[in-house]
Amino acid sequence: MQKEQLSAYIDGEQLSAEFTEALCQDRDLQKSWGNFHLIRSVIRQESDVLLGQDFTNKMAELIEQEEMIVAEPKISQPMPEEIKQSPFSQKLKAWFMPMTQFAVAAGVCLVAVMGMQSFMANNAKEGQDTPVLQTLPFNNSVQEVSYNAPAQSVITPEQIEQKNKRIDSMLQSYELQKRIYADRLNLQNQK
């Protein structure tokens, strides 16, 4: 907080006798005062004393004179082959693979559901002219079936009987094949 006040004081924004007195008494504020003026002088390029004309040459000499210390690693990093063989990575892989498969399956399901909803929404927009449940048939006469089913799609008792006969014959064929193959399996198991 005092450094903000000091900066404002240097800029001439907050001049007060109390702060001037505090500045004269506090060594840290005096040091900050000097640093702020030095920074301002460098920014405004008012002084060549700080950097000098041959600053880059001096800096290069100082860098060359510095002792070079190479840090030795205390623990070496494992190689990729070692990581693949570590028990932790094996457990992680064993846990991660099913989760990845689950995520892919969930993504496919999400796309399927979103696609179906989009498809149904498009169909609903196209069929908005026809009501969902019609109370009067197309020809404005009352029929036996209230859902306005066309006469061709009404199943007659003869058609039901034929379907039942086909289902019975299919079940008989299935039972016969099941017995035949069961006998063959029993003969093979006995050998």
Protein backbone atom coordinates (compact mmCIF):
# COMPACT_ATOMS: atom_id res chain seq x y z
CA MET A 1 0.00 0.00 0.00
CA GLN A 2 2.83 2.39 0.85
CA LYS A 3 4.56 1.68 -2.47
CA GLU A 4 1.39 2.63 -4.34
CA GLN A 5 1.24 5.86 -2.36
CA LEU A 6 4.94 6.41 -3.08
CA SER A 7 4.39 5.94 -6.81
CA ALA A 8 1.48 8.39 -6.73
CA TYR A 9 3.62 10.81 -4.66
CA ILE A 10 6.45 10.65 -7.25
CA ASP A 11 3.93 11.30 -10.05
CA GLY A 12 2.66 14.34 -8.11
CA GLU A 13 -0.82 12.94 -7.59
CA GLN A 14 -0.99 12.59 -3.79
CA LEU A 15 1.11 15.23 -2.09
CA SER A 16 0.75 15.27 1.69
CA ALA A 17 2.89 16.41 4.58
CA GLU A 18 2.25 13.20 6.52
CA PHE A 19 3.59 11.03 3.73
CA THR A 20 6.61 13.29 3.25
CA GLU A 21 7.37 12.89 6.96
CA ALA A 22 6.96 9.09 6.70
CA LEU A 23 9.28 9.06 3.67
CA CYS A 24 11.96 10.93 5.59
CA GLN A 25 11.78 8.49 8.52
CA ASP A 26 11.46 5.08 6.75
CA ARG A 27 14.61 3.55 5.17
CA ASP A 28 12.63 1.05 3.05
CA LEU A 29 10.55 3.83 1.50
CA GLN A 30 13.73 5.80 0.78
CA LYS A 31 15.23 2.78 -0.97
CA SER A 32 12.00 2.33 -2.98
CA TRP A 33 12.13 6.08 -3.78
CA GLY A 34 15.60 5.64 -5.27
CA ASN A 35 14.58 2.51 -7.21
CA PHE A 36 11.50 4.23 -8.66
CA HIS A 37 13.58 7.20 -9.84
CA LEU A 38 16.17 4.86 -11.33
CA ILE A 39 13.48 2.93 -13.17
CA ARG A 40 11.94 6.16 -14.46
CA SER A 41 15.32 7.38 -15.69
CA VAL A 42 15.97 4.13 -17.57
CA ILE A 43 12.50 4.08 -19.11
CA ARG A 44 12.81 7.70 -20.27
CA GLN A 45 16.39 7.07 -21.42
CA GLU A 46 17.57 10.06 -19.42
CA SER A 47 20.86 8.54 -18.27
CA ASP A 48 23.63 6.53 -19.93
CA VAL A 49 25.32 6.03 -16.58
CA LEU A 50 23.36 2.94 -15.63
CA LEU A 51 23.79 0.93 -18.80
CA GLY A 52 26.67 2.76 -20.41
CA GLN A 53 27.65 2.75 -24.04
CA ASP A 54 29.18 -0.74 -24.07
CA PHE A 55 26.53 -2.52 -22.00
CA THR A 56 26.31 -5.56 -24.28
CA ASN A 57 30.11 -6.07 -24.20
CA LYS A 58 30.14 -5.89 -20.40
CA MET A 59 27.29 -8.34 -20.17
CA ALA A 60 28.99 -10.80 -22.56
CA GLU A 61 32.18 -10.63 -20.46
CA LEU A 62 30.23 -11.28 -17.27
CA ILE A 63 28.48 -14.27 -18.81
CA GLU A 64 31.80 -15.73 -19.99
CA GLN A 65 33.29 -15.31 -16.53
CA GLU A 66 30.42 -17.15 -14.87
CA GLU A 67 31.10 -20.67 -13.75
CA MET A 68 29.12 -23.27 -15.68
CA ILE A 69 27.38 -25.78 -13.42
CA VAL A 70 25.72 -28.78 -15.02
CA ALA A 71 23.13 -30.39 -12.81
CA GLU A 72 23.30 -34.14 -12.63
CA PRO A 73 19.94 -35.87 -12.35
CA LYS A 74 19.59 -37.80 -9.14
CA ILE A 75 16.99 -40.18 -10.52
CA SER A 76 16.92 -41.06 -14.20
CA GLN A 77 13.67 -40.96 -16.09
CA PRO A 78 12.31 -44.35 -17.19
CA MET A 79 12.44 -45.36 -20.83
CA PRO A 80 9.15 -45.96 -22.72
CA GLU A 81 9.77 -49.72 -22.69
CA GLU A 82 10.13 -49.68 -18.91
CA ILE A 83 6.89 -47.72 -18.54
CA LYS A 84 4.97 -50.25 -20.63
CA GLN A 85 6.22 -53.09 -18.39
CA SER A 86 5.50 -51.37 -15.07
CA PRO A 87 2.67 -52.87 -12.99
CA PHE A 88 1.01 -49.49 -12.59
CA SER A 89 0.75 -48.94 -16.35
CA GLN A 90 -0.54 -52.51 -16.80
CA LYS A 91 -3.29 -51.88 -14.24
CA LEU A 92 -4.06 -48.51 -15.77
CA LYS A 93 -4.30 -50.05 -19.24
CA ALA A 94 -6.50 -52.88 -17.96
CA TRP A 95 -8.82 -50.30 -16.40
CA PHE A 96 -8.66 -47.80 -19.24
CA MET A 97 -9.47 -50.19 -22.13
CA PRO A 98 -13.01 -51.13 -20.96
CA MET A 99 -13.71 -47.50 -20.15
CA THR A 100 -12.64 -46.51 -23.66
CA GLN A 101 -14.87 -49.17 -25.18
CA PHE A 102 -17.75 -48.00 -22.99
CA ALA A 103 -17.15 -44.38 -24.06
CA VAL A 104 -17.18 -45.35 -27.75
CA ALA A 105 -20.39 -47.35 -27.31
CA ALA A 106 -22.01 -44.47 -25.43
CA GLY A 107 -20.98 -42.08 -28.19
CA VAL A 108 -22.50 -44.34 -30.86
CA CYS A 109 -25.73 -44.62 -28.85
CA LEU A 110 -25.85 -40.87 -28.39
CA VAL A 111 -25.45 -40.30 -32.12
CA ALA A 112 -28.15 -42.90 -32.86
CA VAL A 113 -30.62 -41.36 -30.41
CA MET A 114 -29.94 -37.82 -31.60
CA GLY A 115 -30.26 -38.92 -35.22
CA MET A 116 -33.54 -40.69 -34.54
CA GLN A 117 -34.94 -37.67 -32.72
CA SER A 118 -33.90 -35.44 -35.59
CA PHE A 119 -35.46 -37.84 -38.09
CA MET A 120 -38.70 -37.99 -36.12
CA ALA A 121 -38.77 -34.20 -35.76
CA ASN A 122 -38.36 -33.81 -39.54
CA ASN A 123 -41.16 -36.30 -40.17
CA ALA A 124 -43.39 -34.52 -37.68
CA LYS A 125 -42.80 -31.20 -39.46
CA GLU A 126 -43.67 -32.73 -42.83
CA GLY A 127 -46.85 -34.41 -41.56
CA GLN A 128 -48.31 -31.46 -39.67
CA ASP A 129 -51.21 -31.13 -42.10
CA THR A 130 -52.76 -34.47 -41.13
CA PRO A 131 -54.01 -34.88 -37.57
CA VAL A 132 -52.70 -37.74 -35.46
CA LEU A 133 -56.12 -39.27 -34.75
CA GLN A 134 -58.89 -38.67 -37.24
CA THR A 135 -62.42 -38.93 -35.92
CA LEU A 136 -64.11 -38.94 -39.32
CA PRO A 137 -63.05 -41.21 -42.16
CA PHE A 138 -61.93 -39.83 -45.51
CA ASN A 139 -65.26 -40.53 -47.20
CA ASN A 140 -67.28 -38.96 -44.34
CA SER A 141 -69.20 -42.16 -43.67
CA VAL A 142 -69.00 -44.21 -40.51
CA GLN A 143 -67.18 -47.54 -40.77
CA GLU A 144 -66.83 -50.45 -38.40
CA VAL A 145 -63.18 -49.73 -37.56
CA SER A 146 -62.67 -46.41 -35.78
CA TYR A 147 -59.00 -46.01 -36.75
CA ASN A 148 -59.83 -45.63 -40.47
CA ALA A 149 -57.93 -48.74 -41.47
CA PRO A 150 -58.26 -49.50 -45.19
CA ALA A 151 -60.25 -52.58 -46.10
CA GLN A 152 -57.22 -54.33 -47.66
CA SER A 153 -55.30 -54.34 -44.38
CA VAL A 154 -58.17 -55.80 -42.31
CA ILE A 155 -57.35 -59.41 -41.54
CA THR A 156 -60.07 -61.89 -42.32
CA PRO A 157 -60.72 -65.07 -40.29
CA GLU A 158 -59.43 -67.18 -43.22
CA GLN A 159 -56.10 -65.32 -43.19
CA ILE A 160 -55.79 -65.85 -39.43
CA GLU A 161 -56.43 -69.56 -39.88
CA GLN A 162 -53.75 -69.81 -42.60
CA LYS A 163 -51.22 -68.01 -40.39
CA ASN A 164 -51.97 -70.36 -37.51
CA LYS A 165 -51.46 -73.40 -39.80
CA ARG A 166 -48.06 -72.04 -40.95
CA ILE A 167 -46.98 -71.42 -37.36
CA ASP A 168 -48.05 -74.94 -36.35
CA SER A 169 -46.11 -76.50 -39.23
CA MET A 170 -43.00 -74.48 -38.34
CA LEU A 171 -43.23 -75.60 -34.70
CA GLN A 172 -43.63 -79.24 -35.73
CA SER A 173 -40.61 -78.97 -38.03
CA TYR A 174 -38.57 -77.44 -35.21
CA GLU A 175 -39.51 -80.20 -32.76
CA LEU A 176 -38.67 -82.87 -35.32
CA GLN A 177 -35.25 -81.35 -36.07
CA LYS A 178 -34.56 -80.98 -32.38
CA ARG A 179 -35.20 -84.70 -31.81
CA ILE A 180 -33.07 -85.74 -34.79
CA TYR A 181 -30.08 -83.65 -33.76
CA ALA A 182 -30.44 -84.60 -30.11
CA ASP A 183 -30.18 -88.29 -31.10
CA ARG A 184 -27.05 -87.59 -33.18
CA LEU A 185 -25.44 -85.68 -30.30
CA ASN A 186 -26.18 -88.54 -27.91
CA LEU A 187 -24.57 -91.03 -30.31
CA GLN A 188 -21.45 -88.86 -30.68
CA ASN A 189 -21.13 -88.40 -26.91
CA GLN A 190 -21.36 -92.17 -26.34
CA LYS A 191 -18.43 -92.87 -28.69
